[in-house]
């Protein structure tokens, strides 16, 4: 019985100690095909650069075309009407967000601040 409890506690501790990527961290980008700032983000930063960065490896990008409506698993997200809106999610829970794109430097600074909110 003691071994079983110890194993259970170690399992819980392991789950809590996992990095954010293992906790299903995702950076959701609320996007529109006709959004000038979304297109600018794609040209200046882009999905590939994000996903290959240290931040992107911790929270891969998930682009959501809001003109098609939100997928079922994201319908609980409130107040996202402006595009682009970048929302950091962990296990389907919002950790934080920032709205708009004011250039590459501003984006990376906002992303760094947002990623600092991830659970240790």
Protein backbone atom coordinates (compact mmCIF):
# COMPACT_ATOMS: atom_id res chain seq x y z
CA UNK A 1 0.00 0.00 0.00
CA UNK A 2 2.83 2.41 0.87
CA UNK A 3 4.57 1.67 -2.43
CA UNK A 4 1.36 2.37 -4.32
CA UNK A 5 0.93 5.75 -2.57
CA UNK A 6 4.57 6.64 -3.19
CA UNK A 7 4.23 5.74 -6.86
CA UNK A 8 1.06 7.82 -7.10
CA UNK A 9 2.71 10.83 -5.46
CA UNK A 10 5.73 10.53 -7.73
CA UNK A 11 3.42 10.36 -10.74
CA UNK A 12 1.61 13.52 -9.67
CA UNK A 13 4.92 15.29 -9.01
CA UNK A 14 6.14 14.28 -12.46
CA UNK A 15 3.00 15.65 -14.09
CA UNK A 16 3.34 18.95 -12.24
CA UNK A 17 7.02 19.24 -13.16
CA UNK A 18 6.52 18.74 -16.89
CA UNK A 19 7.47 21.61 -19.18
CA UNK A 20 4.66 23.72 -20.63
CA UNK A 21 4.83 22.00 -24.02
CA UNK A 22 4.02 18.72 -22.31
CA UNK A 23 1.12 20.50 -20.60
CA UNK A 24 -0.38 21.28 -24.01
CA UNK A 25 0.59 24.95 -24.14
CA UNK A 26 -0.56 26.62 -27.35
CA UNK A 27 -0.42 30.15 -28.69
CA UNK A 28 -3.76 30.68 -30.40
CA UNK A 29 -3.81 33.40 -33.05
CA UNK A 30 -7.25 34.76 -33.80
CA UNK A 31 -6.87 35.55 -37.49
CA UNK A 32 -8.90 36.80 -40.45
CA UNK A 33 -8.07 36.37 -44.11
CA UNK A 34 -8.77 40.08 -44.71
CA UNK A 35 -6.83 41.38 -41.68
CA UNK A 36 -3.97 43.61 -42.83
CA UNK A 37 -2.15 43.27 -39.50
CA UNK A 38 -2.49 39.47 -39.57
CA UNK A 39 -0.91 39.42 -43.05
CA UNK A 40 1.85 41.74 -41.83
CA UNK A 41 2.53 39.39 -38.91
CA UNK A 42 2.73 36.45 -41.33
CA UNK A 43 5.22 38.35 -43.53
CA UNK A 44 7.43 39.70 -40.73
CA UNK A 45 7.31 36.91 -38.12
CA UNK A 46 5.30 34.05 -39.49
CA UNK A 47 4.14 30.71 -38.26
CA UNK A 48 7.38 28.96 -39.18
CA UNK A 49 9.63 31.43 -37.31
CA UNK A 50 7.39 31.24 -34.25
CA UNK A 51 7.28 27.45 -34.14
CA UNK A 52 11.07 27.20 -34.58
CA UNK A 53 11.79 29.71 -31.80
CA UNK A 54 12.34 28.71 -28.17
CA UNK A 55 8.97 30.26 -27.32
CA UNK A 56 7.24 28.43 -30.14
CA UNK A 57 8.67 25.09 -29.07
CA UNK A 58 7.07 25.69 -25.65
CA UNK A 59 3.74 26.80 -27.15
CA UNK A 60 3.22 25.98 -30.85
CA UNK A 61 1.03 28.35 -32.85
CA UNK A 62 -2.55 27.51 -33.69
CA UNK A 63 -4.10 29.91 -36.20
CA UNK A 64 -7.87 30.22 -36.10
CA UNK A 65 -9.71 31.87 -38.99
CA UNK A 66 -12.46 33.69 -37.13
CA UNK A 67 -14.52 34.18 -40.29
CA UNK A 68 -15.31 30.47 -40.11
CA UNK A 69 -16.37 30.67 -36.45
CA UNK A 70 -14.49 29.27 -33.52
CA UNK A 71 -13.81 25.57 -33.19
CA UNK A 72 -15.82 23.86 -30.46
CA UNK A 73 -12.86 23.68 -28.07
CA UNK A 74 -12.32 27.47 -28.23
CA UNK A 75 -15.89 28.75 -28.02
CA UNK A 76 -15.45 29.51 -24.32
CA UNK A 77 -12.90 32.27 -25.06
CA UNK A 78 -14.46 35.71 -24.47
CA UNK A 79 -13.66 39.13 -25.98
CA UNK A 80 -11.46 38.24 -28.93
CA UNK A 81 -13.14 40.41 -31.59
CA UNK A 82 -9.97 42.22 -32.71
CA UNK A 83 -7.53 40.42 -34.99
CA UNK A 84 -4.88 39.47 -34.52
CA UNK A 85 -5.32 38.44 -30.92
CA UNK A 86 -2.71 36.09 -29.48
CA UNK A 87 -3.96 33.92 -26.60
CA UNK A 88 -1.73 31.63 -24.58
CA UNK A 89 -3.61 28.48 -23.60
CA UNK A 90 -2.57 25.63 -21.33
CA UNK A 91 -4.84 22.61 -21.20
CA UNK A 92 -7.70 24.62 -22.75
CA UNK A 93 -7.40 27.41 -20.13
CA UNK A 94 -6.38 30.94 -21.02
CA UNK A 95 -3.18 32.08 -19.33
CA UNK A 96 -3.03 35.51 -20.96
CA UNK A 97 -3.27 37.40 -24.23
CA UNK A 98 -2.28 40.43 -26.21
CA UNK A 99 -4.08 42.08 -29.08
CA UNK A 100 -2.77 43.59 -32.28
CA UNK A 101 0.52 43.61 -34.11
CA UNK A 102 2.74 46.67 -33.89
CA UNK A 103 5.81 45.24 -35.54
CA UNK A 104 8.25 42.42 -35.02
CA UNK A 105 10.05 43.81 -31.95
CA UNK A 106 6.79 44.61 -30.18
CA UNK A 107 5.43 41.16 -30.97
CA UNK A 108 8.44 39.31 -29.54
CA UNK A 109 8.43 41.50 -26.41
CA UNK A 110 4.72 40.83 -25.85
CA UNK A 111 5.23 37.13 -26.51
CA UNK A 112 8.09 36.97 -23.98
CA UNK A 113 5.93 38.64 -21.31
CA UNK A 114 3.06 36.30 -22.08
CA UNK A 115 5.22 33.18 -21.96
CA UNK A 116 6.62 34.26 -18.59
CA UNK A 117 3.13 33.50 -17.22
CA UNK A 118 3.43 29.80 -18.02
CA UNK A 119 3.39 27.49 -15.04
CA UNK A 120 6.87 26.43 -13.98
